[in-house]
Amino acid sequence: MIYPTIKIAIIDDHLMVINGLKAMLAGAPDMDVIFECQDGNKLLEHLATLQPNVILMDIQLPDISGVELCKTISRKYPDVRVIALTSHDDSHYVRQMLRNGAAGYLLKNTDYNTLLKAIRDVNEGKQYLDNQIQQNLIHEAITGQRVSKYEIPLTKREVEVLKYIGEALSNQEIAEKLYISLRTVETHRFNITQKLGVKNTASLVKEAIKRGLA
């Protein structure tokens, strides 16, 4: 039986990852990588003229957050299916990606057969979550605690803001320390809470202590 070819795009800021994925997918007769790119803006340029069936997308990109990029793609190109392919197994990222329209979530250590199954499943309109991700979500639902082997990455500026939050400085005091506007501090603070999945200052202080910043 002959299946229609699944058109695939790959976005990752590491060329080695892109080449590795292309080599893996070259062995699948029903899949064709139609383009690849290393940043979000380039992906949006490509999508304006050429839409794949499935996008394999890293979450950490140099210019646009993969979470925000996924939201944009889901809104502008609802027929394009996105699979997050990342090293981050934290459930916060999983929930954000799924909330923003991702159809699948895989870890970069996934094997060949799992990768192909995930692509075929989401192309058929299904969702696909890595087994480890499913177990993490179940654990969190039962215990209320997130499970992750990876520390959620923050930008250099976010680390500085978190450090001063850990030292009990107000937003205004942080702005003066870093020579930035109060609004900028508030934006960084909001982004940190979103990334870490926390809701209050006490939780931010606890995170600062855990990271050795306070």
N, C-alpha and C. Protein backbone atom coordinates (compact mmCIF):
# COMPACT_ATOMS: atom_id res chain seq x y z
N MET A 1 0.84 -1.20 0.00
CA MET A 1 0.00 0.00 0.00
C MET A 1 0.87 1.25 0.00
N ILE A 2 0.55 2.20 -0.87
CA ILE A 2 1.34 3.42 -0.99
C ILE A 2 0.65 4.55 -0.21
N TYR A 3 1.40 5.18 0.71
CA TYR A 3 0.86 6.27 1.52
C TYR A 3 1.29 7.61 0.93
N PRO A 4 0.47 8.66 1.08
CA PRO A 4 0.89 10.00 0.63
C PRO A 4 2.14 10.43 1.38
N THR A 5 3.00 11.16 0.71
CA THR A 5 4.23 11.63 1.34
C THR A 5 3.92 12.70 2.38
N ILE A 6 4.53 12.56 3.55
CA ILE A 6 4.39 13.54 4.62
C ILE A 6 5.50 14.57 4.45
N LYS A 7 5.11 15.81 4.23
CA LYS A 7 6.10 16.88 4.06
C LYS A 7 6.50 17.41 5.44
N ILE A 8 7.81 17.45 5.67
CA ILE A 8 8.34 17.77 7.00
C ILE A 8 9.28 18.97 6.95
N ALA A 9 9.21 19.82 7.96
CA ALA A 9 10.18 20.90 8.16
C ALA A 9 10.86 20.68 9.51
N ILE A 10 12.11 21.06 9.59
CA ILE A 10 12.88 20.91 10.82
C ILE A 10 13.41 22.28 11.23
N ILE A 11 13.21 22.65 12.49
CA ILE A 11 13.79 23.89 13.00
C ILE A 11 14.54 23.60 14.29
N ASP A 12 15.84 23.87 14.25
CA ASP A 12 16.71 23.67 15.40
C ASP A 12 17.93 24.55 15.20
N ASP A 13 18.42 25.16 16.27
CA ASP A 13 19.57 26.06 16.09
C ASP A 13 20.89 25.32 15.99
N HIS A 14 20.88 23.99 16.11
CA HIS A 14 22.10 23.20 15.96
C HIS A 14 22.06 22.42 14.65
N LEU A 15 22.99 22.75 13.76
CA LEU A 15 23.03 22.12 12.44
C LEU A 15 23.24 20.61 12.56
N MET A 16 23.98 20.19 13.57
CA MET A 16 24.22 18.76 13.76
C MET A 16 22.91 18.01 14.02
N VAL A 17 22.03 18.62 14.80
CA VAL A 17 20.73 18.00 15.07
C VAL A 17 19.91 17.92 13.79
N ILE A 18 19.89 19.00 13.03
CA ILE A 18 19.15 19.01 11.77
C ILE A 18 19.64 17.92 10.84
N ASN A 19 20.96 17.82 10.68
CA ASN A 19 21.52 16.81 9.78
C ASN A 19 21.23 15.39 10.28
N GLY A 20 21.26 15.22 11.60
CA GLY A 20 20.96 13.91 12.17
C GLY A 20 19.52 13.50 11.90
N LEU A 21 18.59 14.44 12.06
CA LEU A 21 17.18 14.15 11.80
C LEU A 21 16.94 13.86 10.32
N LYS A 22 17.58 14.63 9.47
CA LYS A 22 17.43 14.40 8.03
C LYS A 22 17.94 13.02 7.65
N ALA A 23 19.04 12.61 8.25
CA ALA A 23 19.59 11.28 7.97
C ALA A 23 18.63 10.18 8.44
N MET A 24 18.02 10.38 9.62
CA MET A 24 17.05 9.40 10.13
C MET A 24 15.83 9.30 9.23
N LEU A 25 15.32 10.45 8.81
CA LEU A 25 14.09 10.47 8.03
C LEU A 25 14.30 10.04 6.58
N ALA A 26 15.55 10.07 6.13
CA ALA A 26 15.84 9.65 4.75
C ALA A 26 15.47 8.19 4.52
N GLY A 27 15.43 7.40 5.59
CA GLY A 27 15.08 5.99 5.45
C GLY A 27 13.60 5.71 5.44
N ALA A 28 12.77 6.75 5.59
CA ALA A 28 11.31 6.56 5.59
C ALA A 28 10.75 6.94 4.22
N PRO A 29 10.22 5.98 3.48
CA PRO A 29 9.76 6.25 2.12
C PRO A 29 8.56 7.19 2.03
N ASP A 30 7.83 7.35 3.13
CA ASP A 30 6.64 8.20 3.11
C ASP A 30 6.90 9.59 3.69
N MET A 31 8.18 9.95 3.87
CA MET A 31 8.50 11.25 4.45
C MET A 31 9.51 12.00 3.61
N ASP A 32 9.33 13.32 3.56
CA ASP A 32 10.22 14.17 2.76
C ASP A 32 10.46 15.47 3.51
N VAL A 33 11.73 15.75 3.84
CA VAL A 33 12.08 17.02 4.49
C VAL A 33 12.14 18.09 3.41
N ILE A 34 11.19 19.03 3.44
CA ILE A 34 11.11 20.03 2.36
C ILE A 34 11.92 21.28 2.66
N PHE A 35 12.20 21.54 3.94
CA PHE A 35 13.13 22.61 4.28
C PHE A 35 13.53 22.49 5.75
N GLU A 36 14.63 23.16 6.09
CA GLU A 36 15.07 23.22 7.47
C GLU A 36 15.60 24.63 7.74
N CYS A 37 15.58 25.06 8.99
CA CYS A 37 16.10 26.38 9.34
C CYS A 37 16.54 26.37 10.80
N GLN A 38 17.24 27.43 11.19
CA GLN A 38 17.86 27.47 12.51
C GLN A 38 17.32 28.57 13.42
N ASP A 39 16.29 29.30 12.96
CA ASP A 39 15.67 30.29 13.84
C ASP A 39 14.21 30.49 13.45
N GLY A 40 13.45 31.09 14.37
CA GLY A 40 12.02 31.21 14.19
C GLY A 40 11.61 32.13 13.06
N ASN A 41 12.31 33.25 12.91
CA ASN A 41 11.95 34.18 11.84
C ASN A 41 12.12 33.56 10.46
N LYS A 42 13.17 32.77 10.31
CA LYS A 42 13.38 32.09 9.02
C LYS A 42 12.27 31.08 8.75
N LEU A 43 11.83 30.40 9.81
CA LEU A 43 10.73 29.45 9.65
C LEU A 43 9.47 30.17 9.17
N LEU A 44 9.16 31.31 9.77
CA LEU A 44 7.96 32.05 9.37
C LEU A 44 8.07 32.54 7.93
N GLU A 45 9.28 32.88 7.50
CA GLU A 45 9.49 33.27 6.10
C GLU A 45 9.16 32.11 5.17
N HIS A 46 9.66 30.93 5.51
CA HIS A 46 9.39 29.74 4.69
C HIS A 46 7.90 29.43 4.65
N LEU A 47 7.24 29.51 5.80
CA LEU A 47 5.83 29.14 5.88
C LEU A 47 4.94 30.05 5.06
N ALA A 48 5.39 31.26 4.81
CA ALA A 48 4.60 32.19 4.01
C ALA A 48 4.40 31.69 2.59
N THR A 49 5.30 30.83 2.13
CA THR A 49 5.20 30.34 0.75
C THR A 49 5.10 28.82 0.64
N LEU A 50 5.46 28.11 1.71
CA LEU A 50 5.50 26.65 1.64
C LEU A 50 5.16 26.04 3.00
N GLN A 51 4.05 25.32 3.05
CA GLN A 51 3.64 24.73 4.33
C GLN A 51 3.85 23.22 4.35
N PRO A 52 4.57 22.73 5.35
CA PRO A 52 4.75 21.29 5.52
C PRO A 52 3.52 20.70 6.22
N ASN A 53 3.45 19.38 6.27
CA ASN A 53 2.41 18.74 7.08
C ASN A 53 2.78 18.74 8.55
N VAL A 54 4.09 18.52 8.81
CA VAL A 54 4.58 18.40 10.18
C VAL A 54 5.86 19.21 10.35
N ILE A 55 5.95 19.92 11.47
CA ILE A 55 7.19 20.63 11.83
C ILE A 55 7.78 19.98 13.06
N LEU A 56 9.06 19.62 12.99
CA LEU A 56 9.82 19.17 14.15
C LEU A 56 10.53 20.39 14.71
N MET A 57 10.14 20.82 15.91
CA MET A 57 10.59 22.12 16.42
C MET A 57 11.27 22.01 17.78
N ASP A 58 12.46 22.58 17.86
CA ASP A 58 13.11 22.73 19.16
C ASP A 58 12.42 23.87 19.90
N ILE A 59 12.40 23.82 21.23
CA ILE A 59 11.74 24.86 22.02
C ILE A 59 12.67 26.04 22.23
N GLN A 60 13.96 25.77 22.45
CA GLN A 60 14.93 26.84 22.72
C GLN A 60 15.55 27.30 21.40
N LEU A 61 15.09 28.45 20.90
CA LEU A 61 15.58 29.00 19.65
C LEU A 61 16.25 30.34 19.92
N PRO A 62 17.15 30.78 19.04
CA PRO A 62 17.93 31.99 19.33
C PRO A 62 17.15 33.29 19.27
N ASP A 63 16.01 33.31 18.55
CA ASP A 63 15.31 34.58 18.38
C ASP A 63 13.89 34.60 18.95
N ILE A 64 13.16 33.50 18.82
CA ILE A 64 11.77 33.43 19.27
C ILE A 64 11.61 32.18 20.13
N SER A 65 10.89 32.31 21.22
CA SER A 65 10.58 31.13 22.03
C SER A 65 9.76 30.15 21.21
N GLY A 66 10.11 28.87 21.27
CA GLY A 66 9.35 27.86 20.55
C GLY A 66 7.90 27.82 21.00
N VAL A 67 7.66 28.16 22.26
CA VAL A 67 6.28 28.19 22.77
C VAL A 67 5.47 29.25 22.04
N GLU A 68 6.04 30.45 21.90
CA GLU A 68 5.34 31.53 21.20
C GLU A 68 5.25 31.24 19.70
N LEU A 69 6.29 30.66 19.16
CA LEU A 69 6.30 30.33 17.74
C LEU A 69 5.21 29.31 17.42
N CYS A 70 5.04 28.34 18.29
CA CYS A 70 4.00 27.33 18.10
C CYS A 70 2.62 27.99 18.09
N LYS A 71 2.42 28.95 18.97
CA LYS A 71 1.15 29.66 19.03
C LYS A 71 0.87 30.41 17.74
N THR A 72 1.90 31.06 17.20
CA THR A 72 1.75 31.80 15.95
C THR A 72 1.42 30.87 14.80
N ILE A 73 2.13 29.75 14.73
CA ILE A 73 1.89 28.78 13.65
C ILE A 73 0.48 28.21 13.73
N SER A 74 0.04 27.87 14.94
CA SER A 74 -1.31 27.31 15.11
C SER A 74 -2.39 28.29 14.68
N ARG A 75 -2.14 29.57 14.91
CA ARG A 75 -3.12 30.59 14.55
C ARG A 75 -3.12 30.86 13.04
N LYS A 76 -1.94 30.96 12.44
CA LYS A 76 -1.85 31.33 11.03
C LYS A 76 -1.94 30.14 10.08
N TYR A 77 -1.47 28.97 10.55
CA TYR A 77 -1.46 27.79 9.69
C TYR A 77 -2.03 26.59 10.46
N PRO A 78 -3.34 26.58 10.70
CA PRO A 78 -3.95 25.55 11.55
C PRO A 78 -3.80 24.13 11.03
N ASP A 79 -3.51 23.96 9.74
CA ASP A 79 -3.36 22.61 9.18
C ASP A 79 -1.95 22.06 9.37
N VAL A 80 -1.02 22.92 9.78
CA VAL A 80 0.36 22.48 10.00
C VAL A 80 0.48 21.92 11.42
N ARG A 81 0.98 20.70 11.54
CA ARG A 81 1.08 20.04 12.84
C ARG A 81 2.49 20.21 13.40
N VAL A 82 2.59 20.59 14.66
CA VAL A 82 3.88 20.85 15.29
C VAL A 82 4.20 19.76 16.31
N ILE A 83 5.42 19.22 16.22
CA ILE A 83 5.94 18.31 17.24
C ILE A 83 7.12 19.00 17.91
N ALA A 84 7.03 19.20 19.22
CA ALA A 84 8.18 19.72 19.96
C ALA A 84 9.20 18.61 20.08
N LEU A 85 10.42 18.90 19.69
CA LEU A 85 11.51 17.92 19.78
C LEU A 85 12.63 18.60 20.57
N THR A 86 12.77 18.22 21.84
CA THR A 86 13.58 19.02 22.76
C THR A 86 14.27 18.16 23.81
N SER A 87 15.19 18.75 24.52
CA SER A 87 15.84 18.07 25.64
C SER A 87 15.08 18.29 26.94
N HIS A 88 14.11 19.19 26.94
CA HIS A 88 13.43 19.57 28.17
C HIS A 88 12.20 18.71 28.43
N ASP A 89 12.25 17.96 29.53
CA ASP A 89 11.14 17.07 29.87
C ASP A 89 10.23 17.66 30.94
N ASP A 90 10.46 18.92 31.32
CA ASP A 90 9.65 19.54 32.36
C ASP A 90 8.20 19.71 31.89
N SER A 91 7.26 19.33 32.74
CA SER A 91 5.84 19.34 32.37
C SER A 91 5.34 20.75 32.07
N HIS A 92 6.02 21.77 32.62
CA HIS A 92 5.62 23.15 32.33
C HIS A 92 5.72 23.43 30.83
N TYR A 93 6.82 23.00 30.22
CA TYR A 93 6.98 23.18 28.78
C TYR A 93 5.95 22.37 28.01
N VAL A 94 5.71 21.14 28.46
CA VAL A 94 4.75 20.28 27.78
C VAL A 94 3.38 20.95 27.75
N ARG A 95 2.93 21.41 28.91
CA ARG A 95 1.61 22.04 28.98
C ARG A 95 1.53 23.30 28.12
N GLN A 96 2.59 24.09 28.15
CA GLN A 96 2.59 25.31 27.34
C GLN A 96 2.52 25.00 25.85
N MET A 97 3.31 24.03 25.42
CA MET A 97 3.32 23.68 24.00
C MET A 97 1.97 23.12 23.56
N LEU A 98 1.39 22.23 24.35
CA LEU A 98 0.10 21.65 24.00
C LEU A 98 -0.98 22.73 24.02
N ARG A 99 -0.91 23.63 24.99
CA ARG A 99 -1.88 24.73 25.09
C ARG A 99 -1.79 25.62 23.86
N ASN A 100 -0.59 25.76 23.31
CA ASN A 100 -0.39 26.64 22.15
C ASN A 100 -0.52 25.92 20.82
N GLY A 101 -1.02 24.68 20.85
CA GLY A 101 -1.37 24.01 19.61
C GLY A 101 -0.47 22.88 19.15
N ALA A 102 0.58 22.54 19.91
CA ALA A 102 1.45 21.43 19.50
C ALA A 102 0.67 20.13 19.50
N ALA A 103 0.96 19.28 18.54
CA ALA A 103 0.29 17.98 18.44
C ALA A 103 1.12 16.87 19.05
N GLY A 104 2.40 17.14 19.31
CA GLY A 104 3.26 16.11 19.86
C GLY A 104 4.41 16.70 20.66
N TYR A 105 5.01 15.87 21.51
CA TYR A 105 6.14 16.29 22.32
C TYR A 105 7.08 15.12 22.48
N LEU A 106 8.30 15.27 21.94
CA LEU A 106 9.31 14.22 21.99
C LEU A 106 10.60 14.75 22.59
N LEU A 107 11.34 13.85 23.22
CA LEU A 107 12.68 14.20 23.70
C LEU A 107 13.70 13.86 22.62
N LYS A 108 14.82 14.56 22.63
CA LYS A 108 15.81 14.38 21.57
C LYS A 108 16.52 13.03 21.62
N ASN A 109 16.36 12.32 22.72
CA ASN A 109 16.96 10.97 22.77
C ASN A 109 16.01 9.91 22.25
N THR A 110 14.92 10.34 21.60
CA THR A 110 13.95 9.38 21.08
C THR A 110 14.56 8.49 20.00
N ASP A 111 14.06 7.27 19.89
CA ASP A 111 14.62 6.35 18.89
C ASP A 111 13.91 6.52 17.54
N TYR A 112 14.47 5.89 16.55
CA TYR A 112 14.01 6.03 15.16
C TYR A 112 12.54 5.67 15.00
N ASN A 113 12.15 4.51 15.51
CA ASN A 113 10.77 4.05 15.32
C ASN A 113 9.77 4.95 16.03
N THR A 114 10.13 5.44 17.20
CA THR A 114 9.24 6.34 17.92
C THR A 114 9.07 7.65 17.16
N LEU A 115 10.16 8.16 16.60
CA LEU A 115 10.09 9.40 15.82
C LEU A 115 9.14 9.23 14.64
N LEU A 116 9.28 8.13 13.91
CA LEU A 116 8.42 7.90 12.74
C LEU A 116 6.96 7.75 13.16
N LYS A 117 6.72 7.02 14.23
CA LYS A 117 5.34 6.83 14.70
C LYS A 117 4.72 8.16 15.11
N ALA A 118 5.49 8.98 15.81
CA ALA A 118 4.98 10.28 16.24
C ALA A 118 4.60 11.14 15.04
N ILE A 119 5.45 11.17 14.03
CA ILE A 119 5.17 11.96 12.83
C ILE A 119 3.92 11.45 12.13
N ARG A 120 3.83 10.14 11.97
CA ARG A 120 2.66 9.57 11.28
C ARG A 120 1.38 9.79 12.08
N ASP A 121 1.46 9.66 13.40
CA ASP A 121 0.27 9.85 14.23
C ASP A 121 -0.25 11.28 14.15
N VAL A 122 0.64 12.26 14.33
CA VAL A 122 0.17 13.65 14.32
C VAL A 122 -0.29 14.05 12.92
N ASN A 123 0.31 13.48 11.90
CA ASN A 123 -0.12 13.77 10.54
C ASN A 123 -1.54 13.27 10.29
N GLU A 124 -1.94 12.24 11.03
CA GLU A 124 -3.30 11.70 10.92
C GLU A 124 -4.28 12.40 11.85
N GLY A 125 -3.82 13.44 12.53
CA GLY A 125 -4.71 14.19 13.40
C GLY A 125 -4.70 13.76 14.85
N LYS A 126 -3.81 12.83 15.21
CA LYS A 126 -3.72 12.38 16.60
C LYS A 126 -2.69 13.21 17.36
N GLN A 127 -2.60 12.98 18.66
CA GLN A 127 -1.54 13.56 19.47
C GLN A 127 -0.56 12.48 19.88
N TYR A 128 0.70 12.88 20.09
CA TYR A 128 1.71 11.91 20.50
C TYR A 128 2.61 12.52 21.56
N LEU A 129 2.68 11.86 22.72
CA LEU A 129 3.56 12.28 23.80
C LEU A 129 4.56 11.17 24.09
N ASP A 130 5.82 11.56 24.26
CA ASP A 130 6.87 10.63 24.66
C ASP A 130 6.44 9.90 25.94
N ASN A 131 6.78 8.62 26.05
CA ASN A 131 6.39 7.83 27.22
C ASN A 131 6.87 8.44 28.52
N GLN A 132 8.11 8.95 28.51
CA GLN A 132 8.65 9.57 29.73
C GLN A 132 7.84 10.80 30.11
N ILE A 133 7.41 11.57 29.10
CA ILE A 133 6.61 12.76 29.35
C ILE A 133 5.27 12.36 29.95
N GLN A 134 4.66 11.32 29.44
CA GLN A 134 3.39 10.84 29.98
C GLN A 134 3.54 10.45 31.45
N GLN A 135 4.63 9.75 31.77
CA GLN A 135 4.87 9.34 33.16
C GLN A 135 5.07 10.56 34.07
N ASN A 136 5.77 11.56 33.57
CA ASN A 136 5.99 12.78 34.35
C ASN A 136 4.67 13.49 34.66
N LEU A 137 3.78 13.55 33.66
CA LEU A 137 2.50 14.21 33.84
C LEU A 137 1.63 13.45 34.85
N ILE A 138 1.68 12.14 34.77
CA ILE A 138 0.92 11.31 35.73
C ILE A 138 1.45 11.53 37.14
N HIS A 139 2.79 11.53 37.28
CA HIS A 139 3.41 11.74 38.60
C HIS A 139 3.01 13.10 39.16
N GLU A 140 3.04 14.12 38.31
CA GLU A 140 2.68 15.46 38.76
C GLU A 140 1.22 15.52 39.18
N ALA A 141 0.34 14.86 38.42
CA ALA A 141 -1.09 14.86 38.75
C ALA A 141 -1.33 14.20 40.11
N ILE A 142 -0.55 13.17 40.42
CA ILE A 142 -0.74 12.42 41.67
C ILE A 142 -0.10 13.14 42.86
N THR A 143 1.13 13.64 42.66
CA THR A 143 1.88 14.20 43.78
C THR A 143 1.87 15.73 43.85
N GLY A 144 1.54 16.37 42.73
CA GLY A 144 1.60 17.82 42.69
C GLY A 144 2.99 18.37 42.51
N GLN A 145 3.97 17.48 42.26
CA GLN A 145 5.36 17.90 42.11
C GLN A 145 5.85 17.62 40.69
N ARG A 146 6.54 18.62 40.12
CA ARG A 146 7.09 18.43 38.78
C ARG A 146 8.30 17.51 38.84
N VAL A 147 8.49 16.76 37.75
CA VAL A 147 9.66 15.89 37.63
C VAL A 147 10.44 16.31 36.39
N SER A 148 11.74 16.55 36.56
CA SER A 148 12.56 16.90 35.42
C SER A 148 14.02 16.60 35.71
N LYS A 149 14.73 16.13 34.70
CA LYS A 149 16.16 15.92 34.83
C LYS A 149 16.92 17.20 34.49
N TYR A 150 16.21 18.18 33.96
CA TYR A 150 16.85 19.38 33.47
C TYR A 150 16.37 20.61 34.23
N GLU A 151 17.29 21.49 34.56
CA GLU A 151 16.92 22.77 35.15
C GLU A 151 16.41 23.67 34.05
N ILE A 152 15.24 24.29 34.28
CA ILE A 152 14.67 25.15 33.26
C ILE A 152 15.60 26.32 33.01
N PRO A 153 16.04 26.53 31.76
CA PRO A 153 17.01 27.59 31.48
C PRO A 153 16.39 28.98 31.52
N LEU A 154 17.14 29.93 32.06
CA LEU A 154 16.75 31.33 32.06
C LEU A 154 17.80 32.12 31.29
N THR A 155 17.40 33.26 30.74
CA THR A 155 18.37 34.12 30.08
C THR A 155 19.28 34.76 31.14
N LYS A 156 20.38 35.34 30.69
CA LYS A 156 21.32 35.98 31.62
C LYS A 156 20.62 37.07 32.44
N ARG A 157 19.79 37.87 31.78
CA ARG A 157 19.09 38.93 32.48
C ARG A 157 18.06 38.37 33.46
N GLU A 158 17.37 37.31 33.07
CA GLU A 158 16.40 36.69 33.97
C GLU A 158 17.08 36.13 35.22
N VAL A 159 18.28 35.60 35.05
CA VAL A 159 19.04 35.09 36.20
C VAL A 159 19.38 36.25 37.14
N GLU A 160 19.76 37.39 36.56
CA GLU A 160 20.08 38.57 37.40
C GLU A 160 18.86 39.04 38.17
N VAL A 161 17.71 39.08 37.49
CA VAL A 161 16.48 39.51 38.16
C VAL A 161 16.10 38.52 39.26
N LEU A 162 16.22 37.23 38.96
CA LEU A 162 15.88 36.22 39.97
C LEU A 162 16.80 36.32 41.18
N LYS A 163 18.07 36.61 40.93
CA LYS A 163 19.04 36.76 42.02
C LYS A 163 18.59 37.87 42.98
N TYR A 164 18.19 39.01 42.43
CA TYR A 164 17.78 40.13 43.27
C TYR A 164 16.43 39.88 43.94
N ILE A 165 15.56 39.11 43.28
CA ILE A 165 14.31 38.72 43.93
C ILE A 165 14.64 37.87 45.16
N GLY A 166 15.63 36.98 44.99
CA GLY A 166 16.06 36.14 46.10
C GLY A 166 16.65 36.93 47.24
N GLU A 167 17.14 38.14 46.93
CA GLU A 167 17.71 39.01 47.97
C GLU A 167 16.66 39.97 48.53
N ALA A 168 15.39 39.72 48.16
CA ALA A 168 14.24 40.48 48.69
C ALA A 168 14.19 41.92 48.21
N LEU A 169 14.78 42.22 47.04
CA LEU A 169 14.69 43.56 46.49
C LEU A 169 13.34 43.75 45.80
N SER A 170 12.83 44.95 45.84
CA SER A 170 11.59 45.27 45.13
C SER A 170 11.88 45.41 43.64
N ASN A 171 10.82 45.44 42.83
CA ASN A 171 11.01 45.63 41.38
C ASN A 171 11.73 46.94 41.08
N GLN A 172 11.37 48.01 41.82
CA GLN A 172 12.00 49.31 41.60
C GLN A 172 13.49 49.24 41.95
N GLU A 173 13.82 48.58 43.04
CA GLU A 173 15.22 48.45 43.45
C GLU A 173 16.01 47.62 42.43
N ILE A 174 15.38 46.59 41.88
CA ILE A 174 16.05 45.78 40.86
C ILE A 174 16.30 46.62 39.61
N ALA A 175 15.31 47.43 39.24
CA ALA A 175 15.46 48.30 38.06
C ALA A 175 16.66 49.23 38.24
N GLU A 176 16.80 49.80 39.43
CA GLU A 176 17.91 50.71 39.70
C GLU A 176 19.25 49.98 39.71
N LYS A 177 19.28 48.76 40.23
CA LYS A 177 20.51 47.96 40.25
C LYS A 177 20.99 47.63 38.84
N LEU A 178 20.03 47.31 37.97
CA LEU A 178 20.38 46.83 36.63
C LEU A 178 20.33 47.93 35.57
N TYR A 179 19.98 49.16 36.00
CA TYR A 179 19.88 50.30 35.07
C TYR A 179 18.89 50.03 33.93
N ILE A 180 17.76 49.48 34.30
CA ILE A 180 16.70 49.21 33.33
C ILE A 180 15.39 49.78 33.89
N SER A 181 14.36 49.84 33.06
CA SER A 181 13.09 50.43 33.50
C SER A 181 12.33 49.46 34.40
N LEU A 182 11.43 50.03 35.18
CA LEU A 182 10.58 49.22 36.06
C LEU A 182 9.74 48.26 35.22
N ARG A 183 9.24 48.74 34.10
CA ARG A 183 8.42 47.90 33.22
C ARG A 183 9.22 46.70 32.71
N THR A 184 10.49 46.93 32.39
CA THR A 184 11.34 45.84 31.91
C THR A 184 11.52 44.79 32.99
N VAL A 185 11.72 45.23 34.22
CA VAL A 185 11.84 44.28 35.34
C VAL A 185 10.56 43.48 35.49
N GLU A 186 9.42 44.15 35.40
CA GLU A 186 8.14 43.47 35.53
C GLU A 186 7.95 42.43 34.43
N THR A 187 8.41 42.76 33.23
CA THR A 187 8.32 41.82 32.11
C THR A 187 9.20 40.60 32.36
N HIS A 188 10.44 40.84 32.80
CA HIS A 188 11.34 39.72 33.11
C HIS A 188 10.76 38.85 34.22
N ARG A 189 10.21 39.50 35.23
CA ARG A 189 9.63 38.77 36.35
C ARG A 189 8.46 37.89 35.88
N PHE A 190 7.62 38.44 35.02
CA PHE A 190 6.50 37.68 34.48
C PHE A 190 7.00 36.48 33.68
N ASN A 191 8.01 36.71 32.83
CA ASN A 191 8.56 35.63 32.01
C ASN A 191 9.15 34.52 32.88
N ILE A 192 9.82 34.91 33.96
CA ILE A 192 10.40 33.92 34.88
C ILE A 192 9.31 33.06 35.50
N THR A 193 8.23 33.72 35.97
CA THR A 193 7.15 32.95 36.59
C THR A 193 6.50 32.00 35.59
N GLN A 194 6.39 32.44 34.35
CA GLN A 194 5.80 31.59 33.32
C GLN A 194 6.69 30.39 33.03
N LYS A 195 7.97 30.62 32.92
CA LYS A 195 8.91 29.53 32.63
C LYS A 195 8.94 28.50 33.77
N LEU A 196 8.94 29.01 34.99
CA LEU A 196 9.09 28.13 36.15
C LEU A 196 7.77 27.57 36.63
N GLY A 197 6.67 28.12 36.14
CA GLY A 197 5.37 27.63 36.55
C GLY A 197 5.04 27.94 37.99
N VAL A 198 5.50 29.11 38.48
CA VAL A 198 5.24 29.51 39.87
C VAL A 198 4.33 30.74 39.88
N LYS A 199 3.77 31.06 41.06
CA LYS A 199 2.77 32.12 41.12
C LYS A 199 3.08 33.24 42.10
N ASN A 200 4.03 33.04 42.99
CA ASN A 200 4.25 34.08 44.00
C ASN A 200 5.73 34.29 44.28
N THR A 201 6.01 35.36 45.03
CA THR A 201 7.38 35.75 45.33
C THR A 201 8.10 34.68 46.15
N ALA A 202 7.38 34.06 47.07
CA ALA A 202 8.00 33.03 47.92
C ALA A 202 8.57 31.90 47.06
N SER A 203 7.82 31.51 46.04
CA SER A 203 8.29 30.44 45.15
C SER A 203 9.50 30.88 44.35
N LEU A 204 9.53 32.16 43.95
CA LEU A 204 10.69 32.69 43.22
C LEU A 204 11.92 32.72 44.11
N VAL A 205 11.74 33.11 45.35
CA VAL A 205 12.85 33.12 46.30
C VAL A 205 13.39 31.71 46.51
N LYS A 206 12.49 30.76 46.62
CA LYS A 206 12.89 29.36 46.79
C LYS A 206 13.70 28.88 45.59
N GLU A 207 13.26 29.29 44.39
CA GLU A 207 13.98 28.90 43.16
C GLU A 207 15.36 29.55 43.14
N ALA A 208 15.46 30.80 43.57
CA ALA A 208 16.75 31.50 43.61
C ALA A 208 17.71 30.77 44.56
N ILE A 209 17.20 30.35 45.70
CA ILE A 209 18.02 29.62 46.67
C ILE A 209 18.48 28.29 46.08
N LYS A 210 17.55 27.60 45.42
CA LYS A 210 17.86 26.28 44.84
C LYS A 210 18.97 26.40 43.80
N ARG A 211 18.99 27.53 43.07
CA ARG A 211 19.99 27.73 42.02
C ARG A 211 21.26 28.38 42.57
N GLY A 212 21.32 28.58 43.87
CA GLY A 212 22.51 29.18 44.47
C GLY A 212 22.67 30.64 44.20
N LEU A 213 21.55 31.35 43.95
CA LEU A 213 21.59 32.77 43.63
C LEU A 213 21.34 33.65 44.84
N ALA A 214 20.86 33.05 45.92
CA ALA A 214 20.52 33.83 47.11
C ALA A 214 20.98 33.11 48.36
